[in-house]
Amino acid sequence: MSEGTEPLVRRAARRLRGWGGVAAMGVACGLTASLTLLPLVREEGDAAAAPGTDRTAGSGAGGGVGVGVQVRADTCRNPEASLTPSTQDGPAIRAIKERGKLIVGVDQSSYRWGYRNPEKGVLEGFDIALARAVARGVLGDENAVIFRAIPTNQRIAALDSGKVDLVVRTMTINCRRIEQVAFSTAYFQAGQQVLAPKRSDITGYDASLRGRRVCSAEGSTAYEALEENSFGAVFKDEGDGTKDDRDLLTVPNQLDCLARLQLGEVDAVVTDNALAAGQAAQDPAVELKGKPFTKEYYGVAAKLGNDDLVRRVNHVLVGYRQGPWQAAYRQWLEKDLPGISGPPAPLYK
């Protein structure tokens, strides 16, 4: 830990009394780590339906049979519809095979999704397991993968610049993003929800947020929801997106919001309930408030135009839904997100 970051952690330690002890302190260190991430993390050899319809798996093995739909560009009624699966090699797949490694943008601070195990020193979680499955499907080896830790607000930029082949990082498929990146079929259903201290009188995504300081990640669907209807909450930093941005209410990494909450710098967090459940598991002093107010689907993202790679990911997901998805869910998510019967059924264009 550098001398420049030590004061932040000491300040956190003083103010986190009564916020979950060691777990809360670990999150404060996570905030510091997120500010000093190494751009490249290697791990080698380490021990869909239209919105408003029911897409949850439950009939048949592995999330049901894919359905073909027409994606309408004018109304964007089915953003979760993706390309049909294929094993045919195209330019993107050939480039990956020539390199011998799949490069995947991931998170390293989202508990149970993509996080660094402090004892083993390796990345683990639901998204990490999926990324390894894709590496196995493309290169025949789940360890033939380079993980690059990227913040929430750099996911699309990392794909555009070619720094990563794929992003597997709790990334929601929506109408705006399908114009920026190419998504696989959906592999998880989540929803936006409010996270706040248990003692707080905030009741959910409603008028109880009026005048409260609410944190969200830059470039997230939570931030978009607040822009549409904030219920009078204060959720934008002065100088947002400029050199004067304090990164207090809008932060590069979603986990930073939990640290801000624990430090008393914000009153609530809006984020995916799938992520918030893991954060609540880390800190017993916070809890999810109200109910999810959106229905969202996570997809694996690729650069626009890399259709052969998207089709190969979708081919991997066909098999992944038949058993490995359920095993990963039981290992990483079931304790904090119980009652999910299976993955969303795929939708194809």
Protein backbone atom coordinates (compact mmCIF):
# COMPACT_ATOMS: atom_id res chain seq x y z
CA MET A 1 0.00 0.00 0.00
CA SER A 2 1.51 3.32 -1.00
CA GLU A 3 2.04 6.22 1.38
CA GLY A 4 -0.42 8.25 -0.68
CA THR A 5 -3.30 5.86 -0.01
CA GLU A 6 -2.55 5.08 3.65
CA PRO A 7 -4.36 8.11 5.08
CA LEU A 8 -7.61 7.07 3.35
CA VAL A 9 -7.48 3.64 4.93
CA ARG A 10 -6.65 5.04 8.36
CA ARG A 11 -9.56 7.46 8.07
CA ALA A 12 -11.80 4.59 7.03
CA ALA A 13 -10.67 2.51 9.99
CA ARG A 14 -11.61 5.28 12.40
CA ARG A 15 -15.07 5.78 10.89
CA LEU A 16 -16.04 2.17 10.21
CA ARG A 17 -16.61 1.17 13.83
CA GLY A 18 -19.99 -0.53 14.04
CA TRP A 19 -20.07 -1.21 10.26
CA GLY A 20 -19.25 -4.87 10.17
CA GLY A 21 -15.71 -4.89 11.56
CA VAL A 22 -13.22 -6.73 9.41
CA ALA A 23 -15.62 -7.07 6.49
CA ALA A 24 -16.15 -3.32 6.35
CA MET A 25 -12.46 -2.61 6.63
CA GLY A 26 -11.87 -4.99 3.75
CA VAL A 27 -14.24 -2.95 1.62
CA ALA A 28 -12.38 0.24 2.49
CA CYS A 29 -9.18 -1.41 1.34
CA GLY A 30 -11.07 -2.48 -1.76
CA LEU A 31 -11.76 1.19 -2.48
CA THR A 32 -8.06 1.94 -2.21
CA ALA A 33 -7.21 -1.02 -4.43
CA SER A 34 -9.70 0.12 -7.04
CA LEU A 35 -7.82 3.41 -7.29
CA THR A 36 -4.52 1.64 -7.96
CA LEU A 37 -5.53 -1.32 -10.13
CA LEU A 38 -2.92 -2.93 -12.27
CA PRO A 39 -4.17 -2.89 -15.85
CA LEU A 40 -3.27 -6.51 -16.51
CA VAL A 41 -4.00 -9.49 -14.30
CA ARG A 42 -2.85 -12.92 -15.42
CA GLU A 43 -4.34 -16.12 -14.11
CA GLU A 44 -2.71 -19.22 -15.54
CA GLY A 45 -2.94 -22.71 -14.11
CA ASP A 46 -4.75 -21.58 -10.96
CA ALA A 47 -5.84 -24.40 -8.39
CA ALA A 48 -33.44 -14.43 -23.42
CA ALA A 49 -37.28 -13.19 -23.75
CA ALA A 50 -38.74 -9.79 -24.51
CA PRO A 51 -39.06 -7.43 -21.56
CA GLY A 52 -42.20 -8.13 -19.61
CA THR A 53 -42.26 -11.85 -20.42
CA ASP A 54 -41.08 -14.70 -18.23
CA ARG A 55 -37.64 -15.79 -19.33
CA THR A 56 -36.54 -17.59 -16.19
CA ALA A 57 -35.44 -21.15 -16.72
CA GLY A 58 -37.46 -23.87 -15.13
CA SER A 59 -38.79 -26.02 -17.91
CA GLY A 60 -36.33 -28.48 -19.29
CA ALA A 61 -32.60 -28.62 -18.74
CA GLY A 62 -30.42 -25.60 -18.87
CA GLY A 63 -32.84 -22.76 -19.33
CA GLY A 64 -35.11 -23.90 -22.12
CA VAL A 65 -34.95 -23.72 -25.89
CA GLY A 66 -33.85 -20.57 -27.64
CA VAL A 67 -36.51 -18.52 -29.38
CA GLY A 68 -36.04 -16.55 -32.60
CA VAL A 69 -37.34 -12.97 -32.60
CA GLN A 70 -37.07 -9.90 -34.78
CA VAL A 71 -35.08 -7.07 -33.23
CA ARG A 72 -36.63 -3.77 -34.26
CA ALA A 73 -34.11 -0.96 -34.46
CA ASP A 74 -36.80 1.71 -34.27
CA THR A 75 -38.39 0.51 -31.03
CA CYS A 76 -35.69 -1.81 -29.64
CA ARG A 77 -38.24 -4.19 -28.23
CA ASN A 78 -35.87 -7.15 -27.84
CA PRO A 79 -32.34 -5.94 -27.03
CA GLU A 80 -31.49 -9.34 -25.49
CA ALA A 81 -31.81 -11.11 -28.85
CA SER A 82 -28.38 -12.19 -30.09
CA LEU A 83 -26.80 -14.03 -33.02
CA THR A 84 -27.42 -17.74 -33.46
CA PRO A 85 -24.70 -20.05 -32.09
CA SER A 86 -21.90 -21.25 -34.36
CA THR A 87 -18.52 -22.97 -34.10
CA GLN A 88 -17.26 -21.55 -37.39
CA ASP A 89 -14.01 -19.60 -37.09
CA GLY A 90 -13.96 -16.03 -38.33
CA PRO A 91 -11.33 -13.28 -38.08
CA ALA A 92 -11.88 -12.59 -34.36
CA ILE A 93 -11.62 -16.26 -33.38
CA ARG A 94 -8.59 -16.79 -35.62
CA ALA A 95 -6.80 -13.85 -34.00
CA ILE A 96 -7.47 -15.27 -30.53
CA LYS A 97 -6.22 -18.72 -31.56
CA GLU A 98 -3.08 -17.24 -33.09
CA ARG A 99 -2.42 -15.38 -29.83
CA GLY A 100 -3.16 -18.48 -27.78
CA LYS A 101 -4.99 -16.52 -25.09
CA LEU A 102 -8.47 -15.07 -24.66
CA ILE A 103 -8.34 -11.60 -23.08
CA VAL A 104 -11.34 -10.88 -20.87
CA GLY A 105 -12.26 -7.69 -19.01
CA VAL A 106 -13.54 -8.51 -15.53
CA ASP A 107 -14.08 -7.03 -12.10
CA GLN A 108 -11.82 -7.88 -9.19
CA SER A 109 -13.83 -6.28 -6.39
CA SER A 110 -17.42 -7.61 -6.74
CA TYR A 111 -17.89 -10.26 -4.09
CA ARG A 112 -19.15 -13.56 -5.52
CA TRP A 113 -19.04 -12.26 -9.11
CA GLY A 114 -15.46 -11.28 -9.84
CA TYR A 115 -13.17 -10.75 -6.86
CA ARG A 116 -9.65 -11.55 -5.74
CA ASN A 117 -9.52 -14.29 -3.15
CA PRO A 118 -7.17 -12.83 -0.50
CA GLU A 119 -5.99 -16.27 0.64
CA LYS A 120 -5.33 -17.78 -2.78
CA GLY A 121 -4.47 -14.56 -4.59
CA VAL A 122 -6.59 -15.54 -7.61
CA LEU A 123 -9.75 -14.18 -9.22
CA GLU A 124 -12.92 -16.10 -8.43
CA GLY A 125 -16.67 -15.77 -8.82
CA PHE A 126 -19.62 -16.43 -11.10
CA ASP A 127 -18.36 -14.22 -13.94
CA ILE A 128 -14.85 -15.65 -13.67
CA ALA A 129 -16.22 -19.18 -13.99
CA LEU A 130 -18.12 -18.18 -17.13
CA ALA A 131 -15.05 -16.51 -18.64
CA ARG A 132 -13.05 -19.68 -18.10
CA ALA A 133 -15.81 -21.72 -19.77
CA VAL A 134 -15.61 -19.45 -22.82
CA ALA A 135 -11.82 -19.85 -22.93
CA ARG A 136 -12.29 -23.60 -22.87
CA GLY A 137 -14.85 -23.38 -25.68
CA VAL A 138 -12.61 -21.23 -27.87
CA LEU A 139 -9.13 -22.56 -27.05
CA GLY A 140 -9.80 -25.90 -25.36
CA ASP A 141 -8.24 -24.76 -22.07
CA GLU A 142 -10.00 -22.85 -19.30
CA ASN A 143 -6.64 -21.46 -18.17
CA ALA A 144 -5.84 -19.99 -21.61
CA VAL A 145 -7.20 -16.64 -20.46
CA ILE A 146 -5.78 -13.27 -19.49
CA PHE A 147 -7.97 -11.32 -17.08
CA ARG A 148 -7.80 -7.55 -17.24
CA ALA A 149 -9.41 -5.69 -14.35
CA ILE A 150 -11.46 -2.79 -15.72
CA PRO A 151 -13.70 -0.29 -13.90
CA THR A 152 -17.42 -0.08 -14.64
CA ASN A 153 -17.10 3.06 -16.73
CA GLN A 154 -14.35 1.60 -18.96
CA ARG A 155 -16.05 -1.58 -20.13
CA ILE A 156 -17.06 -0.29 -23.56
CA ALA A 157 -13.82 1.66 -24.06
CA ALA A 158 -11.78 -1.48 -23.35
CA LEU A 159 -13.61 -3.31 -26.14
CA ASP A 160 -13.37 -0.42 -28.60
CA SER A 161 -9.64 -0.06 -28.05
CA GLY A 162 -8.96 -3.78 -28.42
CA LYS A 163 -7.54 -4.10 -24.91
CA VAL A 164 -9.92 -7.01 -24.32
CA ASP A 165 -11.71 -9.51 -26.54
CA LEU A 166 -14.72 -9.82 -24.24
CA VAL A 167 -16.18 -8.22 -21.14
CA VAL A 168 -17.72 -10.57 -18.57
CA ARG A 169 -18.56 -8.13 -15.82
CA THR A 170 -22.23 -8.06 -14.76
CA MET A 171 -22.94 -5.94 -17.85
CA THR A 172 -26.60 -5.23 -18.52
CA ILE A 173 -27.93 -5.55 -22.06
CA ASN A 174 -30.02 -2.55 -23.06
CA CYS A 175 -31.08 -0.56 -26.09
CA ARG A 176 -28.35 2.05 -25.80
CA ARG A 177 -25.54 -0.42 -25.35
CA ILE A 178 -26.45 -2.67 -28.29
CA GLU A 179 -25.51 0.27 -30.49
CA GLN A 180 -22.05 0.32 -28.87
CA VAL A 181 -21.13 -3.34 -28.33
CA ALA A 182 -22.29 -6.78 -29.44
CA PHE A 183 -23.84 -8.95 -26.72
CA SER A 184 -24.23 -12.66 -26.28
CA THR A 185 -27.52 -14.11 -25.19
CA ALA A 186 -28.43 -13.32 -21.58
CA TYR A 187 -26.79 -15.43 -18.89
CA PHE A 188 -28.36 -13.88 -15.76
CA GLN A 189 -31.42 -11.86 -14.75
CA ALA A 190 -31.07 -9.05 -12.21
CA GLY A 191 -32.81 -5.81 -11.22
CA GLN A 192 -31.93 -2.40 -9.81
CA GLN A 193 -32.49 -1.96 -6.08
CA VAL A 194 -31.53 0.35 -3.22
CA LEU A 195 -28.89 -0.56 -0.65
CA ALA A 196 -28.81 1.43 2.60
CA PRO A 197 -27.96 1.05 6.30
CA LYS A 198 -30.41 -1.11 8.22
CA ARG A 199 -31.09 1.76 10.60
CA SER A 200 -31.99 4.12 7.72
CA ASP A 201 -35.61 5.16 7.13
CA ILE A 202 -35.09 4.86 3.37
CA THR A 203 -37.70 2.37 2.19
CA GLY A 204 -36.65 1.75 -1.42
CA TYR A 205 -36.60 3.44 -4.79
CA ASP A 206 -39.26 5.96 -3.85
CA ALA A 207 -39.90 9.37 -2.30
CA SER A 208 -37.88 8.39 0.78
CA LEU A 209 -34.78 9.21 -1.32
CA ARG A 210 -35.69 12.92 -1.50
CA GLY A 211 -32.76 15.05 -0.41
CA ARG A 212 -30.58 11.99 0.21
CA ARG A 213 -27.12 11.50 -1.25
CA VAL A 214 -27.25 8.47 -3.55
CA CYS A 215 -24.21 6.79 -5.08
CA SER A 216 -24.04 4.93 -8.40
CA ALA A 217 -21.32 3.86 -10.82
CA GLU A 218 -20.50 5.95 -13.86
CA GLY A 219 -21.84 4.39 -17.04
CA SER A 220 -24.17 2.06 -15.11
CA THR A 221 -27.86 1.41 -15.63
CA ALA A 222 -28.37 2.59 -12.05
CA TYR A 223 -27.10 6.03 -13.01
CA GLU A 224 -29.40 6.04 -16.05
CA ALA A 225 -32.36 5.16 -13.82
CA LEU A 226 -31.55 8.03 -11.47
CA GLU A 227 -31.28 10.42 -14.41
CA GLU A 228 -34.77 9.37 -15.47
CA ASN A 229 -36.30 9.61 -12.00
CA SER A 230 -34.25 10.44 -8.92
CA PHE A 231 -37.21 11.07 -6.58
CA GLY A 232 -35.42 14.24 -5.52
CA ALA A 233 -32.19 12.47 -4.55
CA VAL A 234 -28.82 14.14 -4.96
CA PHE A 235 -26.88 11.81 -7.25
CA LYS A 236 -24.57 13.93 -9.45
CA ASP A 237 -21.18 15.32 -8.49
CA GLU A 238 -20.34 18.87 -9.36
CA GLY A 239 -18.16 18.76 -12.44
CA ASP A 240 -19.35 15.24 -13.28
CA GLY A 241 -17.16 13.80 -16.03
CA THR A 242 -14.60 16.62 -15.86
CA LYS A 243 -11.22 16.98 -14.17
CA ASP A 244 -13.05 18.54 -11.21
CA ASP A 245 -15.24 15.45 -10.66
CA ARG A 246 -14.85 14.36 -7.03
CA ASP A 247 -16.03 10.81 -7.76
CA LEU A 248 -18.14 10.92 -4.61
CA LEU A 249 -21.69 10.27 -5.80
CA THR A 250 -20.73 8.88 -9.21
CA VAL A 251 -17.75 6.54 -8.98
CA PRO A 252 -15.66 4.52 -11.46
CA ASN A 253 -16.21 1.19 -9.67
CA GLN A 254 -19.52 0.17 -8.15
CA LEU A 255 -17.92 -1.24 -4.98
CA ASP A 256 -16.63 2.25 -4.21
CA CYS A 257 -20.25 3.15 -3.43
CA LEU A 258 -20.32 0.71 -0.54
CA ALA A 259 -17.16 2.26 0.88
CA ARG A 260 -18.71 5.72 0.53
CA LEU A 261 -21.81 4.44 2.35
CA GLN A 262 -19.73 2.99 5.17
CA LEU A 263 -17.77 6.22 5.50
CA GLY A 264 -21.02 8.17 5.86
CA GLU A 265 -20.35 10.13 2.67
CA VAL A 266 -23.58 8.95 1.00
CA ASP A 267 -26.93 7.79 2.35
CA ALA A 268 -27.78 5.03 -0.12
CA VAL A 269 -26.58 3.13 -3.16
CA VAL A 270 -28.50 2.19 -6.29
CA THR A 271 -27.10 -0.85 -8.09
CA ASP A 272 -27.99 -4.30 -9.39
CA ASN A 273 -29.54 -6.41 -6.65
CA ALA A 274 -27.21 -9.24 -7.67
CA LEU A 275 -24.21 -7.10 -6.72
CA ALA A 276 -25.91 -5.52 -3.71
CA ALA A 277 -26.69 -8.93 -2.23
CA GLY A 278 -22.98 -9.72 -2.16
CA GLN A 279 -22.24 -6.38 -0.54
CA ALA A 280 -24.87 -6.97 2.11
CA ALA A 281 -23.23 -10.32 2.77
CA GLN A 282 -19.93 -8.50 3.34
CA ASP A 283 -21.41 -5.98 5.76
CA PRO A 284 -24.23 -6.94 8.14
CA ALA A 285 -24.99 -3.25 8.84
CA VAL A 286 -26.53 -2.70 5.37
CA GLU A 287 -29.48 -4.26 3.60
CA LEU A 288 -31.51 -4.15 0.40
CA LYS A 289 -34.48 -1.78 0.67
CA GLY A 290 -37.80 -2.24 -1.12
CA LYS A 291 -38.01 -4.37 -4.25
CA PRO A 292 -36.14 -4.45 -7.56
CA PHE A 293 -37.62 -1.78 -9.83
CA THR A 294 -36.24 -3.01 -13.15
CA LYS A 295 -35.75 -6.31 -14.95
CA GLU A 296 -32.32 -6.57 -16.53
CA TYR A 297 -30.22 -9.23 -18.19
CA TYR A 298 -26.45 -9.66 -18.13
CA GLY A 299 -24.63 -10.54 -21.32
CA VAL A 300 -21.07 -11.18 -22.45
CA ALA A 301 -19.98 -8.16 -24.50
CA ALA A 302 -17.74 -8.10 -27.58
CA LYS A 303 -16.67 -5.38 -29.97
CA LEU A 304 -19.22 -4.50 -32.62
CA GLY A 305 -18.52 -6.47 -35.77
CA ASN A 306 -16.91 -9.47 -34.08
CA ASP A 307 -19.88 -11.62 -34.99
CA ASP A 308 -17.94 -14.88 -35.12
CA LEU A 309 -16.82 -14.38 -31.52
CA VAL A 310 -20.37 -13.60 -30.37
CA ARG A 311 -21.67 -16.71 -32.12
CA ARG A 312 -18.98 -18.83 -30.46
CA VAL A 313 -19.84 -17.43 -27.02
CA ASN A 314 -23.49 -18.24 -27.68
CA HIS A 315 -22.48 -21.78 -28.63
CA VAL A 316 -20.61 -22.08 -25.32
CA LEU A 317 -23.64 -20.78 -23.46
CA VAL A 318 -25.87 -23.48 -24.98
CA GLY A 319 -23.85 -26.13 -23.18
CA TYR A 320 -23.21 -23.96 -20.13
CA ARG A 321 -26.94 -23.74 -19.45
CA GLN A 322 -27.18 -27.54 -19.31
CA GLY A 323 -25.44 -27.90 -15.94
CA PRO A 324 -22.30 -25.79 -15.42
CA TRP A 325 -24.46 -22.66 -14.91
CA GLN A 326 -26.34 -24.36 -12.09
CA ALA A 327 -23.11 -25.57 -10.49
CA ALA A 328 -21.62 -22.06 -10.61
CA TYR A 329 -24.82 -20.59 -9.17
CA ARG A 330 -24.76 -23.03 -6.25
CA GLN A 331 -21.11 -22.31 -5.55
CA TRP A 332 -21.10 -18.55 -5.83
CA LEU A 333 -24.58 -17.04 -5.61
CA GLU A 334 -27.22 -19.26 -4.04
CA LYS A 335 -26.40 -18.34 -0.45
CA ASP A 336 -26.99 -14.63 -1.04
CA LEU A 337 -29.45 -14.89 -3.97
CA PRO A 338 -31.58 -17.95 -3.22
CA GLY A 339 -34.52 -19.24 -5.21
CA ILE A 340 -33.25 -18.84 -8.79
CA SER A 341 -34.24 -21.92 -10.76
CA GLY A 342 -31.93 -21.43 -13.71
CA PRO A 343 -30.56 -19.08 -16.36
CA PRO A 344 -32.71 -17.00 -18.71
CA ALA A 345 -33.72 -18.79 -21.90
CA PRO A 346 -31.80 -17.46 -24.91
CA LEU A 347 -33.31 -15.26 -27.59
CA TYR A 348 -31.93 -15.22 -31.13
CA LYS A 349 -32.34 -12.74 -33.95
